[in-house]
C-alpha cells in the first residue's frame, strides 16, 4: 500500500535525513552504524529533546520534608 510508512521506496532517504538531524553524516551513518543501533540512537535523541521532559513536578513542602517539621527547645535541643 503506497503512502504508508516505508512502502513508498524512500525509506533510505528518510533514514539519511534523520541521521543528518542527529548530527550523523550520510557516510558515517551507512558505514559506522549497525541498523539495529540507529533505532536506539533515535530513541535516545527523542528522549533528550522531548519538550515534556522539561516540565517540573511540584511537591508540597510537607510531602518533601515530612509533616512533623523540626521542634526547637521542647526536648532540650
PDB file of N, CA and C in Angstrom:
ATOM      1  N   UNK A   1       0.847  -1.179   0.000  1.00  0.00           N
ATOM      2  CA  UNK A   1       0.000   0.000   0.000  1.00  0.00           C
ATOM      3  C   UNK A   1       0.892   1.242   0.000  1.00  0.00           C
ATOM      4  N   UNK A   2       1.035   1.931  -1.106  1.00  0.00           N
ATOM      5  CA  UNK A   2       1.874   3.124  -1.179  1.00  0.00           C
ATOM      6  C   UNK A   2       1.365   4.220  -0.246  1.00  0.00           C
ATOM      7  N   UNK A   3       2.317   4.982   0.281  1.00  0.00           N
ATOM      8  CA  UNK A   3       1.952   6.075   1.167  1.00  0.00           C
ATOM      9  C   UNK A   3       2.071   5.724   2.637  1.00  0.00           C
ATOM     10  N   UNK A   4       2.064   4.444   2.954  1.00  0.00           N
ATOM     11  CA  UNK A   4       2.268   4.087   4.343  1.00  0.00           C
ATOM     12  C   UNK A   4       3.748   4.120   4.650  1.00  0.00           C
ATOM     13  N   UNK A   5       4.071   4.102   5.900  1.00  0.00           N
ATOM     14  CA  UNK A   5       5.456   4.262   6.328  1.00  0.00           C
ATOM     15  C   UNK A   5       6.350   3.175   5.751  1.00  0.00           C
ATOM     16  N   UNK A   6       7.334   3.564   4.954  1.00  0.00           N
ATOM     17  CA  UNK A   6       8.311   2.637   4.422  1.00  0.00           C
ATOM     18  C   UNK A   6       7.935   1.974   3.120  1.00  0.00           C
ATOM     19  N   UNK A   7       6.697   2.102   2.681  1.00  0.00           N
ATOM     20  CA  UNK A   7       6.267   1.414   1.474  1.00  0.00           C
ATOM     21  C   UNK A   7       6.415   2.241   0.200  1.00  0.00           C
ATOM     22  N   UNK A   8       6.852   3.482   0.321  1.00  0.00           N
ATOM     23  CA  UNK A   8       6.942   4.312  -0.872  1.00  0.00           C
ATOM     24  C   UNK A   8       8.327   4.286  -1.513  1.00  0.00           C
ATOM     25  N   UNK A   9       9.255   3.505  -0.967  1.00  0.00           N
ATOM     26  CA  UNK A   9      10.578   3.380  -1.547  1.00  0.00           C
ATOM     27  C   UNK A   9      11.560   4.458  -1.129  1.00  0.00           C
ATOM     28  N   UNK A  10      11.157   5.359  -0.247  1.00  0.00           N
ATOM     29  CA  UNK A  10      12.026   6.453   0.174  1.00  0.00           C
ATOM     30  C   UNK A  10      12.517   6.271   1.611  1.00  0.00           C
ATOM     31  N   UNK A  11      12.538   5.052   2.099  1.00  0.00           N
ATOM     32  CA  UNK A  11      12.940   4.816   3.488  1.00  0.00           C
ATOM     33  C   UNK A  11      14.405   5.190   3.716  1.00  0.00           C
ATOM     34  N   UNK A  12      15.257   4.954   2.732  1.00  0.00           N
ATOM     35  CA  UNK A  12      16.669   5.269   2.897  1.00  0.00           C
ATOM     36  C   UNK A  12      16.889   6.781   2.960  1.00  0.00           C
ATOM     37  N   UNK A  13      16.182   7.524   2.132  1.00  0.00           N
ATOM     38  CA  UNK A  13      16.296   8.981   2.161  1.00  0.00           C
ATOM     39  C   UNK A  13      15.825   9.529   3.500  1.00  0.00           C
ATOM     40  N   UNK A  14      14.740   8.963   4.043  1.00  0.00           N
ATOM     41  CA  UNK A  14      14.252   9.397   5.355  1.00  0.00           C
ATOM     42  C   UNK A  14      15.251   9.041   6.448  1.00  0.00           C
ATOM     43  N   UNK A  15      15.879   7.879   6.342  1.00  0.00           N
ATOM     44  CA  UNK A  15      16.878   7.452   7.319  1.00  0.00           C
ATOM     45  C   UNK A  15      18.085   8.393   7.287  1.00  0.00           C
ATOM     46  N   UNK A  16      18.536   8.757   6.103  1.00  0.00           N
ATOM     47  CA  UNK A  16      19.659   9.683   5.971  1.00  0.00           C
ATOM     48  C   UNK A  16      19.282  11.056   6.520  1.00  0.00           C
ATOM     49  N   UNK A  17      18.089  11.532   6.219  1.00  0.00           N
ATOM     50  CA  UNK A  17      17.630  12.825   6.740  1.00  0.00           C
ATOM     51  C   UNK A  17      17.570  12.806   8.257  1.00  0.00           C
ATOM     52  N   UNK A  18      17.088  11.702   8.837  1.00  0.00           N
ATOM     53  CA  UNK A  18      17.043  11.596  10.289  1.00  0.00           C
ATOM     54  C   UNK A  18      18.453  11.624  10.858  1.00  0.00           C
ATOM     55  N   UNK A  19      19.382  10.897  10.228  1.00  0.00           N
ATOM     56  CA  UNK A  19      20.768  10.896  10.684  1.00  0.00           C
ATOM     57  C   UNK A  19      21.381  12.285  10.634  1.00  0.00           C
ATOM     58  N   UNK A  20      21.104  13.029   9.584  1.00  0.00           N
ATOM     59  CA  UNK A  20      21.625  14.393   9.475  1.00  0.00           C
ATOM     60  C   UNK A  20      21.058  15.279  10.574  1.00  0.00           C
ATOM     61  N   UNK A  21      19.785  15.107  10.913  1.00  0.00           N
ATOM     62  CA  UNK A  21      19.192  15.868  12.021  1.00  0.00           C
ATOM     63  C   UNK A  21      19.868  15.533  13.343  1.00  0.00           C
ATOM     64  N   UNK A  22      20.342  14.313  13.483  1.00  0.00           N
ATOM     65  CA  UNK A  22      21.016  13.886  14.705  1.00  0.00           C
ATOM     66  C   UNK A  22      22.487  14.278  14.709  1.00  0.00           C
ATOM     67  N   UNK A  23      22.971  14.808  13.596  1.00  0.00           N
ATOM     68  CA  UNK A  23      24.367  15.188  13.502  1.00  0.00           C
ATOM     69  C   UNK A  23      25.257  14.068  12.998  1.00  0.00           C
ATOM     70  N   UNK A  24      24.655  13.062  12.372  1.00  0.00           N
ATOM     71  CA  UNK A  24      25.404  11.930  11.821  1.00  0.00           C
ATOM     72  C   UNK A  24      25.392  12.061  10.308  1.00  0.00           C
ATOM     73  N   UNK A  25      26.565  12.149   9.705  1.00  0.00           N
ATOM     74  CA  UNK A  25      26.670  12.281   8.260  1.00  0.00           C
ATOM     75  C   UNK A  25      26.249  11.009   7.536  1.00  0.00           C
ATOM     76  N   UNK A  26      25.965  11.151   6.248  1.00  0.00           N
ATOM     77  CA  UNK A  26      25.489  10.023   5.436  1.00  0.00           C
ATOM     78  C   UNK A  26      26.493   8.871   5.428  1.00  0.00           C
ATOM     79  N   UNK A  27      27.744   9.170   5.154  1.00  0.00           N
ATOM     80  CA  UNK A  27      28.762   8.114   5.089  1.00  0.00           C
ATOM     81  C   UNK A  27      28.940   7.455   6.452  1.00  0.00           C
ATOM     82  N   UNK A  28      29.002   8.270   7.504  1.00  0.00           N
ATOM     83  CA  UNK A  28      29.146   7.729   8.850  1.00  0.00           C
ATOM     84  C   UNK A  28      27.956   6.844   9.217  1.00  0.00           C
ATOM     85  N   UNK A  29      26.759   7.288   8.872  1.00  0.00           N
ATOM     86  CA  UNK A  29      25.548   6.522   9.167  1.00  0.00           C
ATOM     87  C   UNK A  29      25.566   5.167   8.472  1.00  0.00           C
ATOM     88  N   UNK A  30      25.957   5.157   7.210  1.00  0.00           N
ATOM     89  CA  UNK A  30      25.900   3.928   6.432  1.00  0.00           C
ATOM     90  C   UNK A  30      27.093   3.001   6.671  1.00  0.00           C
ATOM     91  N   UNK A  31      28.229   3.545   7.109  1.00  0.00           N
ATOM     92  CA  UNK A  31      29.412   2.714   7.272  1.00  0.00           C
ATOM     93  C   UNK A  31      29.755   2.379   8.715  1.00  0.00           C
ATOM     94  N   UNK A  32      29.417   3.261   9.654  1.00  0.00           N
ATOM     95  CA  UNK A  32      29.878   3.088  11.033  1.00  0.00           C
ATOM     96  C   UNK A  32      28.812   2.599  12.006  1.00  0.00           C
ATOM     97  N   UNK A  33      27.572   2.513  11.576  1.00  0.00           N
ATOM     98  CA  UNK A  33      26.486   2.104  12.468  1.00  0.00           C
ATOM     99  C   UNK A  33      25.815   0.844  11.939  1.00  0.00           C
ATOM    100  N   UNK A  34      25.454  -0.039  12.853  1.00  0.00           N
ATOM    101  CA  UNK A  34      24.608  -1.178  12.503  1.00  0.00           C
ATOM    102  C   UNK A  34      23.167  -0.699  12.456  1.00  0.00           C
ATOM    103  N   UNK A  35      22.350  -1.342  11.658  1.00  0.00           N
ATOM    104  CA  UNK A  35      20.951  -0.923  11.527  1.00  0.00           C
ATOM    105  C   UNK A  35      20.204  -0.991  12.852  1.00  0.00           C
ATOM    106  N   UNK A  36      20.501  -1.979  13.688  1.00  0.00           N
ATOM    107  CA  UNK A  36      19.783  -2.076  14.960  1.00  0.00           C
ATOM    108  C   UNK A  36      20.241  -1.026  15.970  1.00  0.00           C
ATOM    109  N   UNK A  37      21.354  -0.339  15.742  1.00  0.00           N
ATOM    110  CA  UNK A  37      21.803   0.748  16.616  1.00  0.00           C
ATOM    111  C   UNK A  37      21.051   2.039  16.334  1.00  0.00           C
ATOM    112  N   UNK A  38      20.637   2.236  15.112  1.00  0.00           N
ATOM    113  CA  UNK A  38      20.064   3.510  14.698  1.00  0.00           C
ATOM    114  C   UNK A  38      18.753   3.786  15.432  1.00  0.00           C
ATOM    115  N   UNK A  39      17.934   2.770  15.631  1.00  0.00           N
ATOM    116  CA  UNK A  39      16.685   2.960  16.361  1.00  0.00           C
ATOM    117  C   UNK A  39      16.924   3.386  17.797  1.00  0.00           C
ATOM    118  N   UNK A  40      17.908   2.790  18.438  1.00  0.00           N
ATOM    119  CA  UNK A  40      18.226   3.158  19.825  1.00  0.00           C
ATOM    120  C   UNK A  40      18.767   4.576  19.912  1.00  0.00           C
ATOM    121  N   UNK A  41      19.571   4.966  18.939  1.00  0.00           N
ATOM    122  CA  UNK A  41      20.115   6.319  18.914  1.00  0.00           C
ATOM    123  C   UNK A  41      18.989   7.328  18.727  1.00  0.00           C
ATOM    124  N   UNK A  42      18.083   7.061  17.813  1.00  0.00           N
ATOM    125  CA  UNK A  42      16.958   7.963  17.568  1.00  0.00           C
ATOM    126  C   UNK A  42      16.065   8.059  18.804  1.00  0.00           C
ATOM    127  N   UNK A  43      15.830   6.948  19.467  1.00  0.00           N
ATOM    128  CA  UNK A  43      15.000   6.958  20.672  1.00  0.00           C
ATOM    129  C   UNK A  43      15.652   7.786  21.778  1.00  0.00           C
ATOM    130  N   UNK A  44      16.952   7.619  21.974  1.00  0.00           N
ATOM    131  CA  UNK A  44      17.661   8.402  22.995  1.00  0.00           C
ATOM    132  C   UNK A  44      17.636   9.885  22.654  1.00  0.00           C
ATOM    133  N   UNK A  45      17.804  10.228  21.376  1.00  0.00           N
ATOM    134  CA  UNK A  45      17.765  11.623  20.956  1.00  0.00           C
ATOM    135  C   UNK A  45      16.380  12.214  21.219  1.00  0.00           C
ATOM    136  N   UNK A  46      15.342  11.443  20.916  1.00  0.00           N
ATOM    137  CA  UNK A  46      13.975  11.920  21.157  1.00  0.00           C
ATOM    138  C   UNK A  46      13.713  12.143  22.643  1.00  0.00           C
ATOM    139  N   UNK A  47      14.226  11.265  23.488  1.00  0.00           N
ATOM    140  CA  UNK A  47      14.040  11.441  24.928  1.00  0.00           C
ATOM    141  C   UNK A  47      14.747  12.696  25.429  1.00  0.00           C
ATOM    142  N   UNK A  48      15.927  12.984  24.888  1.00  0.00           N
ATOM    143  CA  UNK A  48      16.661  14.188  25.291  1.00  0.00           C
ATOM    144  C   UNK A  48      15.984  15.467  24.819  1.00  0.00           C
ATOM    145  N   UNK A  49      15.323  15.404  23.683  1.00  0.00           N
ATOM    146  CA  UNK A  49      14.725  16.594  23.097  1.00  0.00           C
ATOM    147  C   UNK A  49      13.210  16.635  23.248  1.00  0.00           C
ATOM    148  N   UNK A  50      12.672  15.820  24.124  1.00  0.00           N
ATOM    149  CA  UNK A  50      11.232  15.791  24.368  1.00  0.00           C
ATOM    150  C   UNK A  50      10.837  17.032  25.166  1.00  0.00           C
ATOM    151  N   UNK A  51       9.938  17.847  24.646  1.00  0.00           N
ATOM    152  CA  UNK A  51       9.560  19.050  25.393  1.00  0.00           C
ATOM    153  C   UNK A  51       8.902  18.738  26.736  1.00  0.00           C
ATOM    154  N   UNK A  52       8.278  17.594  26.870  1.00  0.00           N
ATOM    155  CA  UNK A  52       7.656  17.246  28.150  1.00  0.00           C
ATOM    156  C   UNK A  52       8.705  16.935  29.209  1.00  0.00           C
ATOM    157  N   UNK A  53       9.924  16.625  28.812  1.00  0.00           N
ATOM    158  CA  UNK A  53      10.976  16.326  29.777  1.00  0.00           C
ATOM    159  C   UNK A  53      11.377  17.569  30.557  1.00  0.00           C
ATOM    160  N   UNK A  54      11.046  18.756  30.040  1.00  0.00           N
ATOM    161  CA  UNK A  54      11.403  19.991  30.719  1.00  0.00           C
ATOM    162  C   UNK A  54      10.390  20.400  31.776  1.00  0.00           C
ATOM    163  N   UNK A  55       9.290  19.687  31.875  1.00  0.00           N
ATOM    164  CA  UNK A  55       8.299  20.001  32.892  1.00  0.00           C
ATOM    165  C   UNK A  55       8.834  19.625  34.266  1.00  0.00           C
ATOM    166  N   UNK A  56       8.473  20.411  35.250  1.00  0.00           N
ATOM    167  CA  UNK A  56       8.907  20.115  36.617  1.00  0.00           C
ATOM    168  C   UNK A  56       7.718  19.640  37.430  1.00  0.00           C
ATOM    169  N   UNK A  57       7.978  18.785  38.360  1.00  0.00           N
ATOM    170  CA  UNK A  57       6.945  18.262  39.239  1.00  0.00           C
ATOM    171  C   UNK A  57       6.891  19.125  40.489  1.00  0.00           C
ATOM    172  N   UNK A  58       5.698  19.499  40.905  1.00  0.00           N
ATOM    173  CA  UNK A  58       5.524  20.325  42.087  1.00  0.00           C
ATOM    174  C   UNK A  58       5.205  19.408  43.267  1.00  0.00           C
ATOM    175  N   UNK A  59       6.021  19.529  44.314  1.00  0.00           N
ATOM    176  CA  UNK A  59       5.835  18.730  45.525  1.00  0.00           C
ATOM    177  C   UNK A  59       5.680  19.684  46.690  1.00  0.00           C
ATOM    178  N   UNK A  60       4.695  19.440  47.526  1.00  0.00           N
ATOM    179  CA  UNK A  60       4.485  20.308  48.681  1.00  0.00           C
ATOM    180  C   UNK A  60       5.619  20.117  49.687  1.00  0.00           C
ATOM    181  N   UNK A  61       5.934  21.150  50.455  1.00  0.00           N
ATOM    182  CA  UNK A  61       6.998  21.016  51.459  1.00  0.00           C
ATOM    183  C   UNK A  61       6.704  19.918  52.476  1.00  0.00           C
ATOM    184  N   UNK A  62       5.429  19.714  52.820  1.00  0.00           N
ATOM    185  CA  UNK A  62       5.071  18.681  53.780  1.00  0.00           C
ATOM    186  C   UNK A  62       5.403  17.289  53.243  1.00  0.00           C
ATOM    187  N   UNK A  63       5.169  17.088  51.973  1.00  0.00           N
ATOM    188  CA  UNK A  63       5.472  15.786  51.378  1.00  0.00           C
ATOM    189  C   UNK A  63       6.983  15.570  51.278  1.00  0.00           C
ATOM    190  N   UNK A  64       7.723  16.653  51.061  1.00  0.00           N
ATOM    191  CA  UNK A  64       9.167  16.527  50.896  1.00  0.00           C
ATOM    192  C   UNK A  64       9.877  16.379  52.234  1.00  0.00           C
ATOM    193  N   UNK A  65       9.539  17.238  53.185  1.00  0.00           N
ATOM    194  CA  UNK A  65      10.235  17.242  54.471  1.00  0.00           C
ATOM    195  C   UNK A  65       9.527  16.415  55.538  1.00  0.00           C
ATOM    196  N   UNK A  66       8.284  16.084  55.315  1.00  0.00           N
ATOM    197  CA  UNK A  66       7.510  15.375  56.337  1.00  0.00           C
ATOM    198  C   UNK A  66       6.572  16.357  57.024  1.00  0.00           C
ATOM    199  N   UNK A  67       5.558  15.839  57.619  1.00  0.00           N
ATOM    200  CA  UNK A  67       4.535  16.702  58.222  1.00  0.00           C
ATOM    201  C   UNK A  67       4.904  17.239  59.572  1.00  0.00           C
ATOM    202  N   UNK A  68       5.778  16.569  60.318  1.00  0.00           N
ATOM    203  CA  UNK A  68       6.070  16.996  61.687  1.00  0.00           C
ATOM    204  C   UNK A  68       6.915  18.235  61.784  1.00  0.00           C
ATOM    205  N   UNK A  69       7.850  18.401  60.904  1.00  0.00           N
ATOM    206  CA  UNK A  69       8.761  19.542  60.996  1.00  0.00           C
ATOM    207  C   UNK A  69       9.722  19.390  62.164  1.00  0.00           C
ATOM    208  N   UNK A  70      10.555  20.385  62.331  1.00  0.00           N
ATOM    209  CA  UNK A  70      11.519  20.352  63.434  1.00  0.00           C
ATOM    210  C   UNK A  70      10.953  21.086  64.631  1.00  0.00           C
ATOM    211  N   UNK A  71      11.252  20.595  65.791  1.00  0.00           N
ATOM    212  CA  UNK A  71      10.827  21.227  67.043  1.00  0.00           C
ATOM    213  C   UNK A  71      12.084  21.791  67.728  1.00  0.00           C
ATOM    214  N   UNK A  72      12.013  23.012  68.143  1.00  0.00           N
ATOM    215  CA  UNK A  72      13.143  23.633  68.797  1.00  0.00           C
ATOM    216  C   UNK A  72      12.795  23.849  70.271  1.00  0.00           C
ATOM    217  N   UNK A  73      13.641  23.393  71.157  1.00  0.00           N
ATOM    218  CA  UNK A  73      13.528  23.700  72.569  1.00  0.00           C
ATOM    219  C   UNK A  73      12.714  22.751  73.404  1.00  0.00           C
ATOM    220  N   UNK A  74      11.694  22.129  72.941  1.00  0.00           N
ATOM    221  CA  UNK A  74      10.787  21.335  73.750  1.00  0.00           C
ATOM    222  C   UNK A  74      11.453  20.125  74.407  1.00  0.00           C
ATOM    223  N   UNK A  75      12.394  19.487  73.761  1.00  0.00           N
ATOM    224  CA  UNK A  75      13.012  18.297  74.318  1.00  0.00           C
ATOM    225  C   UNK A  75      14.469  18.541  74.712  1.00  0.00           C
ATOM    226  N   UNK A  76      14.860  19.784  74.858  1.00  0.00           N
ATOM    227  CA  UNK A  76      16.198  20.092  75.329  1.00  0.00           C
ATOM    228  C   UNK A  76      17.215  20.279  74.225  1.00  0.00           C
ATOM    229  N   UNK A  77      16.784  20.331  72.974  1.00  0.00           N
ATOM    230  CA  UNK A  77      17.741  20.538  71.884  1.00  0.00           C
ATOM    231  C   UNK A  77      17.743  21.966  71.412  1.00  0.00           C
TER     232      UNK A  77
END
